[in-house]
């Protein structure tokens, strides 16, 4: 009976949640509203993609939009602390939250909807398309939407000309874009950037020498 009830709930959630077939068009619409345009695969710098994956979703290319290990870890934390504090969200889930839900909902129902939308997205988009869409619409502080707009705001240069230190700083902002805004909190942004660079080196995307060199760069 429990399996049947779960199946019914799953089917109803699948039907009730938005279709993700038009996600890329929806992201383009959101970007136009904020005065920017979606990124194409060739416009996403390699270090930016690697930095975001390293610090946000290390299993991005292995999972199907949902990280079961992360969810179980978050659920265990919540049970112990009697709260819904941990999200365990993947990049795909964050894209779903931003595009369709206008922010994160840490309730049990909110997480269930996140998972459903993430699975739908992964049915329709490649991993590259998911990452492009995420980096096109994610809020990065100081009123900026997407990495391209944030690069112009913070560094006064197009994303294609950003160096490793700048790309790592951008990759660290989604965790807390308002608090880590390098214009108002350069120290916090630099500390977060060091975490990103360290994780990139640990995961083999860059060398430790590159990480230490980038850590010495100013925030802006």
N, C-alpha and C. Protein backbone atom coordinates (compact mmCIF):
# COMPACT_ATOMS: atom_id res chain seq x y z
N UNK A 1 0.83 -1.20 0.00
CA UNK A 1 0.00 0.00 0.00
C UNK A 1 0.87 1.26 0.00
N UNK A 2 1.98 1.22 0.81
CA UNK A 2 2.86 2.38 0.89
C UNK A 2 3.47 2.68 -0.47
N UNK A 3 3.88 1.60 -1.18
CA UNK A 3 4.47 1.78 -2.50
C UNK A 3 3.45 2.39 -3.44
N UNK A 4 2.23 1.91 -3.39
CA UNK A 4 1.17 2.43 -4.24
C UNK A 4 0.89 3.90 -3.95
N UNK A 5 0.82 4.26 -2.69
CA UNK A 5 0.58 5.65 -2.30
C UNK A 5 1.72 6.55 -2.79
N UNK A 6 2.95 6.06 -2.63
CA UNK A 6 4.10 6.85 -3.07
C UNK A 6 4.07 7.04 -4.58
N UNK A 7 3.68 5.99 -5.28
CA UNK A 7 3.60 6.08 -6.74
C UNK A 7 2.55 7.09 -7.17
N UNK A 8 1.42 7.08 -6.49
CA UNK A 8 0.34 8.03 -6.81
C UNK A 8 0.81 9.46 -6.56
N UNK A 9 1.45 9.68 -5.42
CA UNK A 9 1.95 11.01 -5.09
C UNK A 9 2.97 11.47 -6.12
N UNK A 10 3.84 10.55 -6.52
CA UNK A 10 4.86 10.87 -7.52
C UNK A 10 4.22 11.27 -8.84
N UNK A 11 3.26 10.50 -9.27
CA UNK A 11 2.58 10.79 -10.54
C UNK A 11 1.84 12.13 -10.48
N UNK A 12 1.18 12.39 -9.37
CA UNK A 12 0.45 13.65 -9.22
C UNK A 12 1.41 14.84 -9.21
N UNK A 13 2.55 14.66 -8.55
CA UNK A 13 3.55 15.74 -8.52
C UNK A 13 4.09 15.99 -9.92
N UNK A 14 4.35 14.93 -10.65
CA UNK A 14 4.87 15.04 -12.02
C UNK A 14 3.89 15.82 -12.90
N UNK A 15 2.62 15.53 -12.73
CA UNK A 15 1.59 16.20 -13.52
C UNK A 15 1.42 17.66 -13.08
N UNK A 16 1.48 17.89 -11.77
CA UNK A 16 1.19 19.22 -11.22
C UNK A 16 2.33 20.21 -11.46
N UNK A 17 3.56 19.74 -11.56
CA UNK A 17 4.69 20.64 -11.75
C UNK A 17 4.81 21.06 -13.21
N UNK A 18 5.42 22.21 -13.46
CA UNK A 18 5.50 22.72 -14.84
C UNK A 18 6.28 21.80 -15.77
N UNK A 19 5.93 21.84 -17.04
CA UNK A 19 6.73 21.17 -18.05
C UNK A 19 8.05 21.92 -18.20
N UNK A 20 9.13 21.19 -18.41
CA UNK A 20 10.43 21.83 -18.57
C UNK A 20 10.89 21.85 -20.02
N UNK A 21 10.00 21.49 -20.93
CA UNK A 21 10.37 21.48 -22.35
C UNK A 21 10.80 22.87 -22.83
N UNK A 22 10.17 23.90 -22.28
CA UNK A 22 10.50 25.26 -22.71
C UNK A 22 11.46 25.97 -21.79
N UNK A 23 12.26 25.24 -21.02
CA UNK A 23 13.12 25.85 -20.02
C UNK A 23 14.09 26.85 -20.63
N UNK A 24 14.72 26.51 -21.73
CA UNK A 24 15.72 27.40 -22.30
C UNK A 24 15.08 28.72 -22.77
N UNK A 25 13.89 28.61 -23.30
CA UNK A 25 13.17 29.81 -23.69
C UNK A 25 12.79 30.65 -22.49
N UNK A 26 12.41 29.97 -21.41
CA UNK A 26 12.05 30.67 -20.18
C UNK A 26 13.26 31.38 -19.59
N UNK A 27 14.42 30.72 -19.62
CA UNK A 27 15.65 31.35 -19.12
C UNK A 27 15.98 32.58 -19.97
N UNK A 28 15.80 32.47 -21.29
CA UNK A 28 16.05 33.61 -22.18
C UNK A 28 15.13 34.78 -21.84
N UNK A 29 13.88 34.47 -21.53
CA UNK A 29 12.92 35.51 -21.16
C UNK A 29 13.33 36.18 -19.85
N UNK A 30 13.74 35.39 -18.87
CA UNK A 30 14.19 35.94 -17.59
C UNK A 30 15.41 36.83 -17.78
N UNK A 31 16.33 36.38 -18.63
CA UNK A 31 17.54 37.17 -18.88
C UNK A 31 17.21 38.49 -19.56
N UNK A 32 16.33 38.45 -20.54
CA UNK A 32 15.96 39.69 -21.23
C UNK A 32 15.35 40.69 -20.25
N UNK A 33 14.58 40.17 -19.32
CA UNK A 33 13.96 41.05 -18.32
C UNK A 33 15.00 41.73 -17.44
N UNK A 34 16.18 41.11 -17.33
CA UNK A 34 17.24 41.66 -16.49
C UNK A 34 18.36 42.30 -17.32
N UNK A 35 18.09 42.49 -18.61
CA UNK A 35 19.05 43.19 -19.46
C UNK A 35 20.26 42.39 -19.86
N UNK A 36 20.12 41.06 -19.93
CA UNK A 36 21.24 40.24 -20.36
C UNK A 36 20.72 39.14 -21.29
N UNK A 37 21.60 38.29 -21.77
CA UNK A 37 21.21 37.20 -22.67
C UNK A 37 21.81 35.89 -22.19
N UNK A 38 21.19 34.75 -22.52
CA UNK A 38 21.71 33.46 -22.08
C UNK A 38 23.08 33.16 -22.67
N UNK A 39 23.86 32.43 -21.92
CA UNK A 39 25.16 31.99 -22.39
C UNK A 39 25.02 30.78 -23.31
N UNK A 40 25.87 30.70 -24.31
CA UNK A 40 25.97 29.51 -25.14
C UNK A 40 27.14 28.68 -24.61
N UNK A 41 27.25 27.40 -25.00
CA UNK A 41 28.35 26.58 -24.50
C UNK A 41 29.73 27.20 -24.72
N UNK A 42 29.94 27.83 -25.87
CA UNK A 42 31.25 28.41 -26.17
C UNK A 42 31.55 29.65 -25.33
N UNK A 43 30.53 30.20 -24.70
CA UNK A 43 30.71 31.41 -23.89
C UNK A 43 30.96 31.12 -22.42
N UNK A 44 30.90 29.87 -22.03
CA UNK A 44 31.14 29.50 -20.63
C UNK A 44 32.61 29.11 -20.48
N UNK A 45 33.43 29.92 -19.82
CA UNK A 45 34.84 29.58 -19.64
C UNK A 45 35.00 28.24 -18.90
N UNK A 46 35.98 27.49 -19.31
CA UNK A 46 36.18 26.16 -18.72
C UNK A 46 36.38 26.25 -17.21
N UNK A 47 37.19 27.20 -16.77
CA UNK A 47 37.45 27.31 -15.33
C UNK A 47 36.18 27.67 -14.56
N UNK A 48 35.29 28.43 -15.17
CA UNK A 48 34.04 28.77 -14.48
C UNK A 48 33.18 27.53 -14.31
N UNK A 49 33.05 26.75 -15.37
CA UNK A 49 32.26 25.52 -15.29
C UNK A 49 32.85 24.58 -14.24
N UNK A 50 34.16 24.42 -14.27
CA UNK A 50 34.82 23.51 -13.33
C UNK A 50 34.72 24.01 -11.90
N UNK A 51 34.83 25.32 -11.73
CA UNK A 51 34.75 25.88 -10.38
C UNK A 51 33.36 25.68 -9.79
N UNK A 52 32.33 25.93 -10.58
CA UNK A 52 30.96 25.76 -10.09
C UNK A 52 30.68 24.31 -9.75
N UNK A 53 31.12 23.40 -10.60
CA UNK A 53 30.91 21.97 -10.34
C UNK A 53 31.67 21.55 -9.09
N UNK A 54 32.91 22.01 -8.96
CA UNK A 54 33.74 21.62 -7.81
C UNK A 54 33.12 22.04 -6.49
N UNK A 55 32.54 23.24 -6.45
CA UNK A 55 32.08 23.78 -5.17
C UNK A 55 30.58 23.60 -4.94
N UNK A 56 29.81 23.37 -6.02
CA UNK A 56 28.36 23.26 -5.89
C UNK A 56 27.84 21.83 -6.05
N UNK A 57 28.46 21.05 -6.94
CA UNK A 57 27.86 19.76 -7.30
C UNK A 57 28.90 18.85 -7.94
N UNK A 58 29.73 18.23 -7.10
CA UNK A 58 30.85 17.44 -7.61
C UNK A 58 30.41 16.23 -8.44
N UNK A 59 29.20 15.76 -8.24
CA UNK A 59 28.70 14.61 -8.99
C UNK A 59 27.82 15.02 -10.17
N UNK A 60 27.97 16.28 -10.60
CA UNK A 60 27.10 16.83 -11.64
C UNK A 60 27.02 15.94 -12.87
N UNK A 61 28.15 15.46 -13.35
CA UNK A 61 28.16 14.66 -14.57
C UNK A 61 27.81 13.19 -14.32
N UNK A 62 27.66 12.81 -13.07
CA UNK A 62 27.39 11.41 -12.74
C UNK A 62 25.94 11.16 -12.35
N UNK A 63 25.30 12.17 -11.74
CA UNK A 63 23.93 11.96 -11.28
C UNK A 63 22.93 12.33 -12.38
N UNK A 64 21.68 12.19 -12.06
CA UNK A 64 20.62 12.52 -13.01
C UNK A 64 19.79 13.70 -12.50
N UNK A 65 20.52 14.67 -11.98
CA UNK A 65 19.87 15.86 -11.47
C UNK A 65 19.56 15.80 -10.00
N UNK A 66 19.73 14.62 -9.39
CA UNK A 66 19.45 14.43 -7.97
C UNK A 66 20.60 13.66 -7.35
N UNK A 67 21.13 14.17 -6.24
CA UNK A 67 22.23 13.51 -5.54
C UNK A 67 21.66 12.80 -4.32
N UNK A 68 21.45 11.50 -4.43
CA UNK A 68 20.84 10.74 -3.34
C UNK A 68 21.68 10.80 -2.08
N UNK A 69 23.00 10.72 -2.23
CA UNK A 69 23.88 10.78 -1.05
C UNK A 69 23.73 12.11 -0.33
N UNK A 70 23.68 13.20 -1.13
CA UNK A 70 23.52 14.52 -0.53
C UNK A 70 22.18 14.67 0.16
N UNK A 71 21.13 14.11 -0.45
CA UNK A 71 19.81 14.19 0.16
C UNK A 71 19.75 13.43 1.47
N UNK A 72 20.35 12.25 1.50
CA UNK A 72 20.35 11.44 2.72
C UNK A 72 21.16 12.12 3.82
N UNK A 73 22.29 12.71 3.44
CA UNK A 73 23.10 13.42 4.42
C UNK A 73 22.34 14.61 4.99
N UNK A 74 21.67 15.35 4.10
CA UNK A 74 20.88 16.51 4.54
C UNK A 74 19.72 16.07 5.43
N UNK A 75 19.07 14.97 5.04
CA UNK A 75 17.94 14.47 5.84
C UNK A 75 18.41 14.05 7.22
N UNK A 76 19.57 13.40 7.30
CA UNK A 76 20.11 12.99 8.60
C UNK A 76 20.41 14.19 9.48
N UNK A 77 20.96 15.23 8.89
CA UNK A 77 21.24 16.46 9.65
C UNK A 77 19.94 17.06 10.17
N UNK A 78 18.93 17.10 9.31
CA UNK A 78 17.66 17.70 9.69
C UNK A 78 16.98 16.92 10.82
N UNK A 79 17.07 15.60 10.76
CA UNK A 79 16.46 14.77 11.81
C UNK A 79 17.15 15.02 13.14
N UNK A 80 18.48 15.06 13.13
CA UNK A 80 19.24 15.26 14.36
C UNK A 80 18.97 16.63 14.96
N UNK A 81 18.84 17.64 14.08
CA UNK A 81 18.69 19.02 14.56
C UNK A 81 17.25 19.51 14.56
N UNK A 82 16.32 18.59 14.25
CA UNK A 82 14.88 18.92 14.28
C UNK A 82 14.55 20.15 13.43
N UNK A 83 15.05 20.16 12.21
CA UNK A 83 14.80 21.29 11.33
C UNK A 83 14.85 20.82 9.88
N UNK A 84 14.58 21.76 8.96
CA UNK A 84 14.80 21.49 7.54
C UNK A 84 15.84 22.49 7.07
N UNK A 85 17.06 22.29 7.58
CA UNK A 85 18.14 23.27 7.40
C UNK A 85 19.00 22.98 6.18
N UNK A 86 19.18 21.71 5.86
CA UNK A 86 20.09 21.32 4.80
C UNK A 86 19.32 21.02 3.52
N UNK A 87 19.88 21.45 2.38
CA UNK A 87 19.18 21.25 1.12
C UNK A 87 19.68 20.08 0.30
N UNK A 88 20.99 19.93 0.18
CA UNK A 88 21.55 18.87 -0.64
C UNK A 88 21.22 19.04 -2.10
N UNK A 89 21.00 20.30 -2.54
CA UNK A 89 20.54 20.56 -3.89
C UNK A 89 21.66 20.44 -4.91
N UNK A 90 21.36 19.84 -6.05
CA UNK A 90 22.28 19.79 -7.17
C UNK A 90 22.15 21.07 -7.99
N UNK A 91 23.04 21.24 -8.96
CA UNK A 91 22.94 22.38 -9.86
C UNK A 91 21.61 22.35 -10.59
N UNK A 92 21.17 21.17 -11.00
CA UNK A 92 19.90 21.05 -11.72
C UNK A 92 18.73 21.46 -10.83
N UNK A 93 18.77 21.06 -9.57
CA UNK A 93 17.71 21.46 -8.64
C UNK A 93 17.73 22.98 -8.41
N UNK A 94 18.92 23.54 -8.31
CA UNK A 94 19.01 24.99 -8.13
C UNK A 94 18.44 25.73 -9.34
N UNK A 95 18.70 25.19 -10.54
CA UNK A 95 18.14 25.77 -11.75
C UNK A 95 16.61 25.70 -11.71
N UNK A 96 16.09 24.58 -11.28
CA UNK A 96 14.63 24.42 -11.17
C UNK A 96 14.05 25.42 -10.18
N UNK A 97 14.71 25.58 -9.04
CA UNK A 97 14.24 26.53 -8.02
C UNK A 97 14.23 27.95 -8.56
N UNK A 98 15.30 28.34 -9.23
CA UNK A 98 15.42 29.71 -9.72
C UNK A 98 14.42 29.98 -10.86
N UNK A 99 14.29 29.02 -11.77
CA UNK A 99 13.48 29.24 -12.96
C UNK A 99 11.98 29.11 -12.70
N UNK A 100 11.61 28.16 -11.82
CA UNK A 100 10.19 27.85 -11.66
C UNK A 100 9.62 28.17 -10.29
N UNK A 101 10.45 28.15 -9.27
CA UNK A 101 9.94 28.27 -7.91
C UNK A 101 10.32 29.58 -7.25
N UNK A 102 11.14 30.38 -7.92
CA UNK A 102 11.54 31.70 -7.42
C UNK A 102 12.20 31.60 -6.05
N UNK A 103 13.08 30.62 -5.91
CA UNK A 103 13.81 30.48 -4.66
C UNK A 103 13.65 29.11 -4.05
N UNK A 104 14.47 28.84 -3.06
CA UNK A 104 14.49 27.53 -2.42
C UNK A 104 13.40 27.39 -1.36
N UNK A 105 12.80 26.20 -1.32
CA UNK A 105 11.83 25.84 -0.28
C UNK A 105 12.37 24.58 0.40
N UNK A 106 12.82 24.72 1.66
CA UNK A 106 13.48 23.61 2.34
C UNK A 106 12.50 22.65 3.00
N UNK A 107 11.20 22.87 2.83
CA UNK A 107 10.23 21.94 3.39
C UNK A 107 10.28 20.61 2.65
N UNK A 108 9.68 19.59 3.25
CA UNK A 108 9.66 18.27 2.62
C UNK A 108 8.98 18.35 1.25
N UNK A 109 7.86 19.07 1.18
CA UNK A 109 7.16 19.21 -0.10
C UNK A 109 8.01 19.98 -1.11
N UNK A 110 8.68 21.04 -0.64
CA UNK A 110 9.53 21.82 -1.53
C UNK A 110 10.64 20.97 -2.13
N UNK A 111 11.23 20.13 -1.33
CA UNK A 111 12.31 19.27 -1.82
C UNK A 111 11.77 18.25 -2.82
N UNK A 112 10.58 17.75 -2.55
CA UNK A 112 9.96 16.77 -3.44
C UNK A 112 9.72 17.40 -4.82
N UNK A 113 9.26 18.65 -4.82
CA UNK A 113 9.03 19.37 -6.08
C UNK A 113 10.36 19.63 -6.78
N UNK A 114 11.39 20.02 -6.02
CA UNK A 114 12.73 20.23 -6.60
C UNK A 114 13.19 18.99 -7.34
N UNK A 115 13.07 17.85 -6.68
CA UNK A 115 13.53 16.59 -7.26
C UNK A 115 12.76 16.28 -8.54
N UNK A 116 11.46 16.46 -8.49
CA UNK A 116 10.63 16.17 -9.66
C UNK A 116 11.02 17.05 -10.84
N UNK A 117 11.17 18.34 -10.60
CA UNK A 117 11.55 19.25 -11.67
C UNK A 117 12.96 18.96 -12.20
N UNK A 118 13.87 18.60 -11.30
CA UNK A 118 15.23 18.27 -11.73
C UNK A 118 15.23 17.06 -12.66
N UNK A 119 14.46 16.05 -12.32
CA UNK A 119 14.37 14.86 -13.18
C UNK A 119 13.76 15.21 -14.53
N UNK A 120 12.76 16.08 -14.52
CA UNK A 120 12.17 16.52 -15.79
C UNK A 120 13.20 17.26 -16.64
N UNK A 121 13.93 18.15 -16.01
CA UNK A 121 14.94 18.93 -16.74
C UNK A 121 15.98 18.01 -17.37
N UNK A 122 16.44 17.03 -16.60
CA UNK A 122 17.47 16.13 -17.11
C UNK A 122 16.94 15.22 -18.22
N UNK A 123 15.63 15.09 -18.32
CA UNK A 123 15.04 14.35 -19.43
C UNK A 123 15.13 15.12 -20.73
N UNK A 124 15.18 16.45 -20.64
CA UNK A 124 15.08 17.29 -21.83
C UNK A 124 16.37 17.99 -22.22
N UNK A 125 17.25 18.20 -21.26
CA UNK A 125 18.46 18.97 -21.52
C UNK A 125 19.71 18.12 -21.27
N UNK A 126 20.76 18.40 -22.02
CA UNK A 126 22.05 17.77 -21.77
C UNK A 126 22.69 18.44 -20.56
N UNK A 127 23.73 17.85 -20.03
CA UNK A 127 24.42 18.44 -18.90
C UNK A 127 24.99 19.82 -19.26
N UNK A 128 25.53 19.94 -20.46
CA UNK A 128 26.06 21.23 -20.89
C UNK A 128 24.97 22.28 -20.93
N UNK A 129 23.80 21.92 -21.41
CA UNK A 129 22.68 22.87 -21.48
C UNK A 129 22.20 23.25 -20.09
N UNK A 130 22.19 22.29 -19.17
CA UNK A 130 21.80 22.59 -17.78
C UNK A 130 22.77 23.61 -17.18
N UNK A 131 24.05 23.38 -17.38
CA UNK A 131 25.05 24.28 -16.80
C UNK A 131 24.98 25.67 -17.44
N UNK A 132 24.80 25.72 -18.76
CA UNK A 132 24.66 27.00 -19.45
C UNK A 132 23.47 27.78 -18.91
N UNK A 133 22.34 27.09 -18.76
CA UNK A 133 21.12 27.74 -18.27
C UNK A 133 21.32 28.25 -16.85
N UNK A 134 21.93 27.43 -16.01
CA UNK A 134 22.16 27.82 -14.61
C UNK A 134 23.05 29.06 -14.53
N UNK A 135 24.15 29.06 -15.27
CA UNK A 135 25.08 30.18 -15.23
C UNK A 135 24.53 31.42 -15.93
N UNK A 136 23.46 31.25 -16.69
CA UNK A 136 22.83 32.38 -17.37
C UNK A 136 21.86 33.12 -16.46
N UNK A 137 21.25 32.38 -15.51
CA UNK A 137 20.17 33.00 -14.74
C UNK A 137 20.41 33.08 -13.23
N UNK A 138 21.47 32.48 -12.74
CA UNK A 138 21.70 32.47 -11.30
C UNK A 138 22.00 33.89 -10.80
N UNK A 139 21.43 34.24 -9.66
CA UNK A 139 21.67 35.56 -9.08
C UNK A 139 23.04 35.59 -8.42
N UNK A 140 23.84 36.62 -8.76
CA UNK A 140 25.20 36.70 -8.27
C UNK A 140 25.50 37.99 -7.51
N UNK A 141 24.46 38.60 -6.96
CA UNK A 141 24.65 39.76 -6.11
C UNK A 141 24.69 41.07 -6.87
N UNK A 142 24.55 42.17 -6.14
CA UNK A 142 24.61 43.53 -6.69
C UNK A 142 23.65 43.73 -7.86
N UNK A 143 22.52 43.05 -7.82
CA UNK A 143 21.52 43.19 -8.86
C UNK A 143 21.85 42.48 -10.16
N UNK A 144 22.85 41.61 -10.16
CA UNK A 144 23.27 40.94 -11.40
C UNK A 144 22.66 39.55 -11.52
N UNK A 145 22.25 39.22 -12.71
CA UNK A 145 21.70 37.90 -13.02
C UNK A 145 22.59 37.26 -14.09
N UNK A 146 23.14 36.12 -13.77
CA UNK A 146 24.00 35.42 -14.71
C UNK A 146 25.45 35.85 -14.62
N UNK A 147 26.34 34.94 -15.01
CA UNK A 147 27.78 35.20 -14.89
C UNK A 147 28.26 36.31 -15.80
N UNK A 148 27.66 36.44 -17.00
CA UNK A 148 28.10 37.47 -17.94
C UNK A 148 27.85 38.86 -17.37
N UNK A 149 26.66 39.06 -16.83
CA UNK A 149 26.33 40.37 -16.26
C UNK A 149 27.16 40.64 -15.00
N UNK A 150 27.38 39.63 -14.19
CA UNK A 150 28.17 39.80 -12.98
C UNK A 150 29.62 40.17 -13.30
N UNK A 151 30.17 39.58 -14.36
CA UNK A 151 31.54 39.89 -14.75
C UNK A 151 31.67 41.37 -15.14
N UNK A 152 30.71 41.87 -15.88
CA UNK A 152 30.73 43.28 -16.27
C UNK A 152 30.57 44.19 -15.05
N UNK A 153 29.74 43.77 -14.12
CA UNK A 153 29.48 44.60 -12.93
C UNK A 153 30.70 44.65 -12.02
N UNK A 154 31.30 43.51 -11.76
CA UNK A 154 32.39 43.44 -10.79
C UNK A 154 33.76 43.74 -11.39
N UNK A 155 34.02 43.24 -12.59
CA UNK A 155 35.37 43.34 -13.17
C UNK A 155 35.46 44.28 -14.36
N UNK A 156 34.29 44.78 -14.83
CA UNK A 156 34.24 45.70 -15.96
C UNK A 156 34.88 45.10 -17.21
N UNK A 157 34.63 43.84 -17.41
CA UNK A 157 35.16 43.16 -18.58
C UNK A 157 34.25 41.98 -18.92
N UNK A 158 34.24 41.55 -20.20
CA UNK A 158 33.40 40.41 -20.57
C UNK A 158 33.90 39.13 -19.91
N UNK A 159 33.01 38.20 -19.75
CA UNK A 159 33.32 36.93 -19.09
C UNK A 159 34.50 36.21 -19.76
N UNK A 160 34.60 36.33 -21.06
CA UNK A 160 35.66 35.64 -21.81
C UNK A 160 37.05 36.12 -21.45
N UNK A 161 37.16 37.28 -20.84
CA UNK A 161 38.47 37.84 -20.49
C UNK A 161 38.81 37.68 -19.01
N UNK A 162 37.93 37.04 -18.25
CA UNK A 162 38.20 36.85 -16.83
C UNK A 162 39.30 35.82 -16.62
N UNK A 163 40.10 36.04 -15.59
CA UNK A 163 41.15 35.07 -15.25
C UNK A 163 40.63 34.08 -14.21
N UNK A 164 41.48 33.16 -13.81
CA UNK A 164 41.09 32.11 -12.87
C UNK A 164 40.56 32.68 -11.56
N UNK A 165 41.23 33.67 -11.02
CA UNK A 165 40.80 34.26 -9.74
C UNK A 165 39.41 34.86 -9.86
N UNK A 166 39.15 35.55 -10.95
CA UNK A 166 37.85 36.19 -11.15
C UNK A 166 36.74 35.15 -11.35
N UNK A 167 37.04 34.12 -12.13
CA UNK A 167 36.04 33.08 -12.38
C UNK A 167 35.73 32.31 -11.11
N UNK A 168 36.75 32.05 -10.29
CA UNK A 168 36.53 31.34 -9.03
C UNK A 168 35.70 32.19 -8.08
N UNK A 169 35.90 33.50 -8.10
CA UNK A 169 35.11 34.38 -7.25
C UNK A 169 33.64 34.33 -7.66
N UNK A 170 33.38 34.39 -8.97
CA UNK A 170 32.00 34.31 -9.46
C UNK A 170 31.36 32.98 -9.05
N UNK A 171 32.13 31.90 -9.16
CA UNK A 171 31.61 30.56 -8.84
C UNK A 171 31.24 30.43 -7.37
N UNK A 172 31.87 31.23 -6.52
CA UNK A 172 31.58 31.14 -5.09
C UNK A 172 30.38 31.94 -4.64
N UNK A 173 29.87 32.82 -5.50
CA UNK A 173 28.80 33.72 -5.08
C UNK A 173 27.43 33.08 -4.89
N UNK A 174 27.05 32.04 -5.65
CA UNK A 174 25.69 31.50 -5.47
C UNK A 174 25.37 31.05 -4.05
N UNK A 175 26.37 30.69 -3.28
CA UNK A 175 26.11 30.23 -1.91
C UNK A 175 25.41 31.31 -1.10
N UNK A 176 25.82 32.56 -1.28
CA UNK A 176 25.21 33.67 -0.53
C UNK A 176 25.55 34.98 -1.27
N UNK A 177 24.87 35.23 -2.39
CA UNK A 177 25.25 36.35 -3.26
C UNK A 177 25.19 37.72 -2.61
N UNK A 178 24.27 37.94 -1.70
CA UNK A 178 24.18 39.25 -1.06
C UNK A 178 25.29 39.44 -0.04
N UNK A 179 25.52 38.43 0.78
CA UNK A 179 26.54 38.54 1.83
C UNK A 179 27.95 38.50 1.26
N UNK A 180 28.14 37.81 0.11
CA UNK A 180 29.48 37.65 -0.46
C UNK A 180 29.76 38.65 -1.59
N UNK A 181 28.86 39.58 -1.82
CA UNK A 181 29.03 40.60 -2.84
C UNK A 181 30.41 41.26 -2.67
N UNK A 182 31.30 41.13 -3.66
CA UNK A 182 32.66 41.65 -3.49
C UNK A 182 32.73 43.17 -3.42
N UNK A 183 31.66 43.86 -3.84
CA UNK A 183 31.64 45.32 -3.73
C UNK A 183 31.45 45.77 -2.29
N UNK A 184 30.62 45.03 -1.55
CA UNK A 184 30.33 45.41 -0.17
C UNK A 184 31.09 44.55 0.85
N UNK A 185 31.53 43.38 0.44
CA UNK A 185 32.23 42.48 1.36
C UNK A 185 33.38 41.79 0.64
N UNK A 186 34.41 42.54 0.25
CA UNK A 186 35.53 41.93 -0.49
C UNK A 186 36.25 40.85 0.31
N UNK A 187 36.33 41.02 1.64
CA UNK A 187 37.01 40.01 2.45
C UNK A 187 36.25 38.68 2.40
N UNK A 188 34.92 38.76 2.54
CA UNK A 188 34.14 37.54 2.48
C UNK A 188 34.21 36.88 1.13
N UNK A 189 34.20 37.69 0.06
CA UNK A 189 34.29 37.14 -1.30
C UNK A 189 35.63 36.45 -1.52
N UNK A 190 36.70 37.03 -1.00
CA UNK A 190 38.03 36.43 -1.15
C UNK A 190 38.13 35.13 -0.36
N UNK A 191 37.56 35.11 0.84
CA UNK A 191 37.58 33.87 1.63
C UNK A 191 36.81 32.75 0.92
N UNK A 192 35.67 33.10 0.37
CA UNK A 192 34.90 32.10 -0.38
C UNK A 192 35.65 31.66 -1.62
N UNK A 193 36.30 32.59 -2.30
CA UNK A 193 37.08 32.25 -3.49
C UNK A 193 38.19 31.25 -3.15
N UNK A 194 38.83 31.42 -2.00
CA UNK A 194 39.88 30.49 -1.59
C UNK A 194 39.34 29.09 -1.42
N UNK A 195 38.12 28.97 -0.91
CA UNK A 195 37.48 27.65 -0.77
C UNK A 195 37.26 27.04 -2.15
N UNK A 196 36.78 27.86 -3.09
CA UNK A 196 36.54 27.37 -4.45
C UNK A 196 37.84 26.90 -5.08
N UNK A 197 38.88 27.71 -4.99
CA UNK A 197 40.17 27.35 -5.58
C UNK A 197 40.74 26.08 -4.95
N UNK A 198 40.61 25.97 -3.64
CA UNK A 198 41.08 24.78 -2.96
C UNK A 198 40.36 23.53 -3.42
N UNK A 199 39.05 23.64 -3.62
CA UNK A 199 38.28 22.49 -4.08
C UNK A 199 38.62 22.15 -5.52
N UNK A 200 38.87 23.16 -6.34
CA UNK A 200 39.28 22.91 -7.73
C UNK A 200 40.61 22.16 -7.76
N UNK A 201 41.54 22.56 -6.90
CA UNK A 201 42.84 21.88 -6.85
C UNK A 201 42.68 20.46 -6.33
N UNK A 202 41.86 20.29 -5.30
CA UNK A 202 41.62 18.96 -4.75
C UNK A 202 41.03 18.02 -5.79
N UNK A 203 40.13 18.55 -6.61
CA UNK A 203 39.46 17.74 -7.63
C UNK A 203 40.29 17.59 -8.90
N UNK A 204 41.44 18.24 -8.97
CA UNK A 204 42.34 18.07 -10.10
C UNK A 204 42.08 18.98 -11.29
N UNK A 205 41.23 19.99 -11.13
CA UNK A 205 40.95 20.91 -12.23
C UNK A 205 42.11 21.88 -12.45
N UNK A 206 42.78 22.25 -11.37
CA UNK A 206 43.94 23.13 -11.44
C UNK A 206 45.01 22.58 -10.49
N UNK A 207 46.21 23.11 -10.60
CA UNK A 207 47.28 22.70 -9.68
C UNK A 207 47.18 23.55 -8.42
N UNK A 208 47.85 23.07 -7.38
CA UNK A 208 47.87 23.86 -6.14
C UNK A 208 48.66 25.15 -6.34
N UNK A 209 49.65 25.13 -7.24
CA UNK A 209 50.40 26.35 -7.53
C UNK A 209 49.48 27.40 -8.16
N UNK A 210 48.61 26.96 -9.07
CA UNK A 210 47.64 27.87 -9.67
C UNK A 210 46.68 28.42 -8.61
N UNK A 211 46.24 27.54 -7.73
CA UNK A 211 45.31 27.96 -6.69
C UNK A 211 45.94 29.01 -5.79
N UNK A 212 47.17 28.76 -5.34
CA UNK A 212 47.83 29.71 -4.43
C UNK A 212 48.10 31.04 -5.12
N UNK A 213 48.43 30.98 -6.41
CA UNK A 213 48.68 32.21 -7.15
C UNK A 213 47.40 33.04 -7.27
N UNK A 214 46.29 32.37 -7.58
CA UNK A 214 45.01 33.06 -7.73
C UNK A 214 44.52 33.61 -6.40
N UNK A 215 44.85 32.94 -5.30
CA UNK A 215 44.41 33.40 -3.98
C UNK A 215 45.01 34.76 -3.62
N UNK A 216 46.15 35.08 -4.23
CA UNK A 216 46.82 36.34 -3.90
C UNK A 216 46.24 37.54 -4.66
N UNK A 217 45.37 37.27 -5.62
CA UNK A 217 44.78 38.35 -6.41
C UNK A 217 43.78 39.14 -5.57
N UNK A 218 43.62 40.43 -5.84
CA UNK A 218 42.61 41.22 -5.12
C UNK A 218 41.20 40.75 -5.50
N UNK A 219 40.23 41.12 -4.71
CA UNK A 219 38.86 40.72 -4.99
C UNK A 219 38.39 41.31 -6.32
N UNK A 220 38.72 42.56 -6.58
CA UNK A 220 38.26 43.26 -7.79
C UNK A 220 39.45 43.90 -8.51
